[in-house]
Amino acid sequence: MRIETDRLLLRVFEPRDLDPIAAMCGDPEVMTFFPERLDRAGTEAFIARLEARRAAGGVGMLAAEEKATGACVGIIGLQYVPYEMPFTPAVEVGWRLARAAWGKGYASEGAAACLAYGFETVGLAEIVAIAATGNSRSFAVMRRIGLSRDPASDFDHPALPETFAYRRHELWRIRRG
């Protein structure tokens, strides 16, 4: 799986991605809406899980490489939602970018390209996006790429501790046009 935009190359993970992704996953601001930051070993396990999902599902989260510099600036892609909810089975579009890559439009650019790939290449009828209530940055990206909130489908994320402040999540959807 490989997706190219004007400024990004979305590709399978390579060993050189571990350090920048570990730095991103260890950044408290990047990880605000996640229950814990990841160290290098935790990041390596996280990437392995993403790669296993991609291999099993045919779509997946990808390393986001800045074409101008060759630097890995985060993760953008599609994946099957890995837990059961009333809206599953479903494919979600997602992103996580290093703080230095925020504000450059990379999340919207990469996510829009993933939507096109999902609809045109994979043939999906619908793609969802999921973010913790309060994650206004992600909601702004969702709006920019054409998703609409489905408030009736908001849910408590089953993989997060019941006591976690950001356990409540919003579901956004887009259907093939």
C-alpha atoms as a PDB file:
ATOM      1  CA  MET A   1       0.000   0.000   0.000  1.00  0.00           C
ATOM      2  CA  ARG A   2       1.457   3.331  -1.083  1.00  0.00           C
ATOM      3  CA  ILE A   3      -0.291   6.683  -1.473  1.00  0.00           C
ATOM      4  CA  GLU A   4       1.338   9.821  -2.820  1.00  0.00           C
ATOM      5  CA  THR A   5       0.206  13.434  -2.465  1.00  0.00           C
ATOM      6  CA  ASP A   6       1.849  16.672  -3.563  1.00  0.00           C
ATOM      7  CA  ARG A   7       3.940  16.839  -0.387  1.00  0.00           C
ATOM      8  CA  LEU A   8       3.676  13.413   1.253  1.00  0.00           C
ATOM      9  CA  LEU A   9       4.513   9.810   0.569  1.00  0.00           C
ATOM     10  CA  LEU A  10       2.401   7.435   2.643  1.00  0.00           C
ATOM     11  CA  ARG A  11       4.189   4.094   2.718  1.00  0.00           C
ATOM     12  CA  VAL A  12       4.786   0.970   4.767  1.00  0.00           C
ATOM     13  CA  PHE A  13       6.974   1.418   7.795  1.00  0.00           C
ATOM     14  CA  GLU A  14      10.738   1.097   7.497  1.00  0.00           C
ATOM     15  CA  PRO A  15      13.305   0.645  10.295  1.00  0.00           C
ATOM     16  CA  ARG A  16      14.379   4.307   9.922  1.00  0.00           C
ATOM     17  CA  ASP A  17      10.878   5.375  11.029  1.00  0.00           C
ATOM     18  CA  LEU A  18      11.208   3.993  14.551  1.00  0.00           C
ATOM     19  CA  ASP A  19      13.102   6.918  16.095  1.00  0.00           C
ATOM     20  CA  PRO A  20      10.900   9.735  14.745  1.00  0.00           C
ATOM     21  CA  ILE A  21       7.702   7.824  15.541  1.00  0.00           C
ATOM     22  CA  ALA A  22       9.006   7.010  19.035  1.00  0.00           C
ATOM     23  CA  ALA A  23       9.753  10.709  19.577  1.00  0.00           C
ATOM     24  CA  MET A  24       6.234  11.564  18.418  1.00  0.00           C
ATOM     25  CA  CYS A  25       4.631   8.880  20.631  1.00  0.00           C
ATOM     26  CA  GLY A  26       6.662  10.101  23.600  1.00  0.00           C
ATOM     27  CA  ASP A  27       5.569  13.732  23.186  1.00  0.00           C
ATOM     28  CA  PRO A  28       3.015  14.625  25.890  1.00  0.00           C
ATOM     29  CA  GLU A  29       1.252  17.170  23.651  1.00  0.00           C
ATOM     30  CA  VAL A  30       0.899  14.747  20.723  1.00  0.00           C
ATOM     31  CA  MET A  31      -0.367  12.060  23.100  1.00  0.00           C
ATOM     32  CA  THR A  32      -2.844  14.243  25.030  1.00  0.00           C
ATOM     33  CA  PHE A  33      -5.845  12.132  23.996  1.00  0.00           C
ATOM     34  CA  PHE A  34      -4.135   8.780  24.578  1.00  0.00           C
ATOM     35  CA  PRO A  35      -3.858   7.081  27.985  1.00  0.00           C
ATOM     36  CA  GLU A  36      -0.060   6.877  27.942  1.00  0.00           C
ATOM     37  CA  ARG A  37       3.013   7.950  26.057  1.00  0.00           C
ATOM     38  CA  LEU A  38       5.079   5.235  24.434  1.00  0.00           C
ATOM     39  CA  ASP A  39       8.785   4.637  24.860  1.00  0.00           C
ATOM     40  CA  ARG A  40      10.920   3.171  22.072  1.00  0.00           C
ATOM     41  CA  ALA A  41       9.954  -0.439  22.872  1.00  0.00           C
ATOM     42  CA  GLY A  42       6.277   0.495  23.142  1.00  0.00           C
ATOM     43  CA  THR A  43       6.482   2.311  19.808  1.00  0.00           C
ATOM     44  CA  GLU A  44       8.124  -0.704  18.188  1.00  0.00           C
ATOM     45  CA  ALA A  45       5.252  -2.896  19.436  1.00  0.00           C
ATOM     46  CA  PHE A  46       2.716  -0.290  18.236  1.00  0.00           C
ATOM     47  CA  ILE A  47       4.224  -0.265  14.719  1.00  0.00           C
ATOM     48  CA  ALA A  48       4.237  -4.080  14.699  1.00  0.00           C
ATOM     49  CA  ARG A  49       0.499  -4.090  15.552  1.00  0.00           C
ATOM     50  CA  LEU A  50      -0.222  -1.586  12.781  1.00  0.00           C
ATOM     51  CA  GLU A  51       1.748  -3.658  10.275  1.00  0.00           C
ATOM     52  CA  ALA A  52      -0.046  -6.858  11.330  1.00  0.00           C
ATOM     53  CA  ARG A  53      -3.429  -5.151  10.847  1.00  0.00           C
ATOM     54  CA  ARG A  54      -2.357  -3.898   7.407  1.00  0.00           C
ATOM     55  CA  ALA A  55      -1.183  -7.366   6.382  1.00  0.00           C
ATOM     56  CA  ALA A  56      -4.431  -8.946   7.576  1.00  0.00           C
ATOM     57  CA  GLY A  57      -6.838  -6.309   6.267  1.00  0.00           C
ATOM     58  CA  GLY A  58      -5.306  -5.069   3.032  1.00  0.00           C
ATOM     59  CA  VAL A  59      -5.432  -1.455   4.207  1.00  0.00           C
ATOM     60  CA  GLY A  60      -3.445   0.070   6.998  1.00  0.00           C
ATOM     61  CA  MET A  61      -1.813   2.934   8.743  1.00  0.00           C
ATOM     62  CA  LEU A  62       1.291   4.157   6.935  1.00  0.00           C
ATOM     63  CA  ALA A  63       4.411   6.163   7.651  1.00  0.00           C
ATOM     64  CA  ALA A  64       3.932   9.748   6.454  1.00  0.00           C
ATOM     65  CA  GLU A  65       7.130  10.875   4.761  1.00  0.00           C
ATOM     66  CA  GLU A  66       7.664  14.504   3.842  1.00  0.00           C
ATOM     67  CA  LYS A  67       8.752  14.318   0.202  1.00  0.00           C
ATOM     68  CA  ALA A  68      10.894  17.472   0.321  1.00  0.00           C
ATOM     69  CA  THR A  69      13.084  16.195   3.170  1.00  0.00           C
ATOM     70  CA  GLY A  70      12.517  12.431   3.341  1.00  0.00           C
ATOM     71  CA  ALA A  71      11.646  12.839   7.037  1.00  0.00           C
ATOM     72  CA  CYS A  72       8.982  10.690   8.663  1.00  0.00           C
ATOM     73  CA  VAL A  73       6.515  13.215  10.131  1.00  0.00           C
ATOM     74  CA  GLY A  74       3.923  10.802  11.486  1.00  0.00           C
ATOM     75  CA  ILE A  75       1.329   8.190  10.650  1.00  0.00           C
ATOM     76  CA  ILE A  76      -1.647   8.529   8.297  1.00  0.00           C
ATOM     77  CA  GLY A  77      -3.799   5.809   6.785  1.00  0.00           C
ATOM     78  CA  LEU A  78      -6.799   3.545   6.782  1.00  0.00           C
ATOM     79  CA  GLN A  79      -7.457   0.578   9.024  1.00  0.00           C
ATOM     80  CA  TYR A  80     -10.283  -1.701   9.995  1.00  0.00           C
ATOM     81  CA  VAL A  81     -11.598  -0.641  13.396  1.00  0.00           C
ATOM     82  CA  PRO A  82      -9.937  -3.241  15.667  1.00  0.00           C
ATOM     83  CA  TYR A  83     -12.776  -3.629  18.187  1.00  0.00           C
ATOM     84  CA  GLU A  84     -16.483  -4.391  18.093  1.00  0.00           C
ATOM     85  CA  MET A  85     -19.027  -1.598  18.251  1.00  0.00           C
ATOM     86  CA  PRO A  86     -22.484  -1.079  16.759  1.00  0.00           C
ATOM     87  CA  PHE A  87     -20.854   0.704  13.770  1.00  0.00           C
ATOM     88  CA  THR A  88     -18.337  -2.083  13.010  1.00  0.00           C
ATOM     89  CA  PRO A  89     -17.116  -3.620  10.843  1.00  0.00           C
ATOM     90  CA  ALA A  90     -15.806  -0.325   9.515  1.00  0.00           C
ATOM     91  CA  VAL A  91     -12.687   1.191   8.001  1.00  0.00           C
ATOM     92  CA  GLU A  92     -11.400   4.324   9.677  1.00  0.00           C
ATOM     93  CA  VAL A  93      -9.125   7.047   8.403  1.00  0.00           C
ATOM     94  CA  GLY A  94      -6.647   8.238  11.000  1.00  0.00           C
ATOM     95  CA  TRP A  95      -3.530  10.290  11.581  1.00  0.00           C
ATOM     96  CA  ARG A  96      -0.976  11.163  14.218  1.00  0.00           C
ATOM     97  CA  LEU A  97       1.656  13.746  13.383  1.00  0.00           C
ATOM     98  CA  ALA A  98       4.769  15.001  15.115  1.00  0.00           C
ATOM     99  CA  ARG A  99       4.195  18.401  16.661  1.00  0.00           C
ATOM    100  CA  ALA A 100       6.665  20.026  14.226  1.00  0.00           C
ATOM    101  CA  ALA A 101       4.368  18.898  11.376  1.00  0.00           C
ATOM    102  CA  TRP A 102       1.215  20.460  12.863  1.00  0.00           C
ATOM    103  CA  GLY A 103      -0.352  23.419  11.100  1.00  0.00           C
ATOM    104  CA  LYS A 104       1.028  22.536   7.662  1.00  0.00           C
ATOM    105  CA  GLY A 105      -2.074  20.811   6.323  1.00  0.00           C
ATOM    106  CA  TYR A 106      -0.414  17.386   6.242  1.00  0.00           C
ATOM    107  CA  ALA A 107      -3.199  15.619   8.152  1.00  0.00           C
ATOM    108  CA  SER A 108      -5.880  16.937   5.790  1.00  0.00           C
ATOM    109  CA  GLU A 109      -3.773  16.283   2.686  1.00  0.00           C
ATOM    110  CA  GLY A 110      -2.859  12.745   3.680  1.00  0.00           C
ATOM    111  CA  ALA A 111      -6.296  11.832   5.034  1.00  0.00           C
ATOM    112  CA  ALA A 112      -8.050  13.147   1.899  1.00  0.00           C
ATOM    113  CA  ALA A 113      -5.732  11.000  -0.236  1.00  0.00           C
ATOM    114  CA  CYS A 114      -6.564   8.003   1.962  1.00  0.00           C
ATOM    115  CA  LEU A 115     -10.290   8.625   1.462  1.00  0.00           C
ATOM    116  CA  ALA A 116      -9.775   8.696  -2.309  1.00  0.00           C
ATOM    117  CA  TYR A 117      -7.744   5.477  -2.112  1.00  0.00           C
ATOM    118  CA  GLY A 118     -10.377   3.795   0.044  1.00  0.00           C
ATOM    119  CA  PHE A 119     -13.256   4.748  -2.223  1.00  0.00           C
ATOM    120  CA  GLU A 120     -11.608   4.494  -5.646  1.00  0.00           C
ATOM    121  CA  THR A 121      -9.055   1.683  -5.208  1.00  0.00           C
ATOM    122  CA  VAL A 122     -10.484  -0.453  -2.406  1.00  0.00           C
ATOM    123  CA  GLY A 123     -14.130   0.196  -3.312  1.00  0.00           C
ATOM    124  CA  LEU A 124     -15.348   1.045   0.188  1.00  0.00           C
ATOM    125  CA  ALA A 125     -18.859   2.439   0.532  1.00  0.00           C
ATOM    126  CA  GLU A 126     -18.153   4.325   3.774  1.00  0.00           C
ATOM    127  CA  ILE A 127     -15.164   5.429   5.854  1.00  0.00           C
ATOM    128  CA  VAL A 128     -15.339   6.600   9.462  1.00  0.00           C
ATOM    129  CA  ALA A 129     -13.097   8.697  11.670  1.00  0.00           C
ATOM    130  CA  ILE A 130     -12.928   8.493  15.436  1.00  0.00           C
ATOM    131  CA  ALA A 131     -11.536  10.971  17.951  1.00  0.00           C
ATOM    132  CA  ALA A 132     -11.866  11.711  21.628  1.00  0.00           C
ATOM    133  CA  THR A 133     -14.462  14.286  22.594  1.00  0.00           C
ATOM    134  CA  GLY A 134     -12.568  17.550  22.929  1.00  0.00           C
ATOM    135  CA  ASN A 135     -10.028  16.806  20.197  1.00  0.00           C
ATOM    136  CA  SER A 136     -10.844  19.942  18.228  1.00  0.00           C
ATOM    137  CA  ARG A 137      -7.761  19.642  15.983  1.00  0.00           C
ATOM    138  CA  SER A 138      -8.893  16.256  14.689  1.00  0.00           C
ATOM    139  CA  PHE A 139     -12.473  17.454  14.313  1.00  0.00           C
ATOM    140  CA  ALA A 140     -11.226  20.354  12.163  1.00  0.00           C
ATOM    141  CA  VAL A 141      -9.422  17.881   9.884  1.00  0.00           C
ATOM    142  CA  MET A 142     -12.551  15.727   9.688  1.00  0.00           C
ATOM    143  CA  ARG A 143     -14.617  18.730   8.611  1.00  0.00           C
ATOM    144  CA  ARG A 144     -12.009  19.808   6.031  1.00  0.00           C
ATOM    145  CA  ILE A 145     -12.000  16.386   4.358  1.00  0.00           C
ATOM    146  CA  GLY A 146     -15.799  16.179   4.217  1.00  0.00           C
ATOM    147  CA  LEU A 147     -16.782  13.926   7.122  1.00  0.00           C
ATOM    148  CA  SER A 148     -19.937  14.570   9.162  1.00  0.00           C
ATOM    149  CA  ARG A 149     -20.441  13.814  12.820  1.00  0.00           C
ATOM    150  CA  ASP A 150     -22.874  11.065  13.764  1.00  0.00           C
ATOM    151  CA  PRO A 151     -23.761  12.130  17.339  1.00  0.00           C
ATOM    152  CA  ALA A 152     -26.074   9.155  17.848  1.00  0.00           C
ATOM    153  CA  SER A 153     -23.012   6.908  17.516  1.00  0.00           C
ATOM    154  CA  ASP A 154     -20.741   8.555  20.105  1.00  0.00           C
ATOM    155  CA  PHE A 155     -19.280   5.892  22.378  1.00  0.00           C
ATOM    156  CA  ASP A 156     -16.975   5.060  25.252  1.00  0.00           C
ATOM    157  CA  HIS A 157     -13.846   3.582  23.674  1.00  0.00           C
ATOM    158  CA  PRO A 158     -13.686  -0.075  24.748  1.00  0.00           C
ATOM    159  CA  ALA A 159      -9.875  -0.233  24.706  1.00  0.00           C
ATOM    160  CA  LEU A 160      -9.457   2.655  27.152  1.00  0.00           C
ATOM    161  CA  PRO A 161      -9.655   2.516  30.950  1.00  0.00           C
ATOM    162  CA  GLU A 162     -13.017   3.518  32.391  1.00  0.00           C
ATOM    163  CA  THR A 163     -11.308   6.211  34.455  1.00  0.00           C
ATOM    164  CA  PHE A 164      -9.511   7.799  31.465  1.00  0.00           C
ATOM    165  CA  ALA A 165     -10.613  11.427  31.000  1.00  0.00           C
ATOM    166  CA  TYR A 166     -10.855  11.104  27.204  1.00  0.00           C
ATOM    167  CA  ARG A 167     -12.638   7.756  26.973  1.00  0.00           C
ATOM    168  CA  ARG A 168     -15.712   9.264  25.243  1.00  0.00           C
ATOM    169  CA  HIS A 169     -15.268   9.346  21.458  1.00  0.00           C
ATOM    170  CA  GLU A 170     -17.129  10.874  18.554  1.00  0.00           C
ATOM    171  CA  LEU A 171     -17.834   9.008  15.339  1.00  0.00           C
ATOM    172  CA  TRP A 172     -17.670  10.846  12.019  1.00  0.00           C
ATOM    173  CA  ARG A 173     -18.636   9.348   8.633  1.00  0.00           C
ATOM    174  CA  ILE A 174     -18.343   9.874   4.912  1.00  0.00           C
ATOM    175  CA  ARG A 175     -19.961   7.823   2.165  1.00  0.00           C
ATOM    176  CA  ARG A 176     -18.627   7.314  -1.322  1.00  0.00           C
ATOM    177  CA  GLY A 177     -20.040  10.138  -3.444  1.00  0.00           C
END
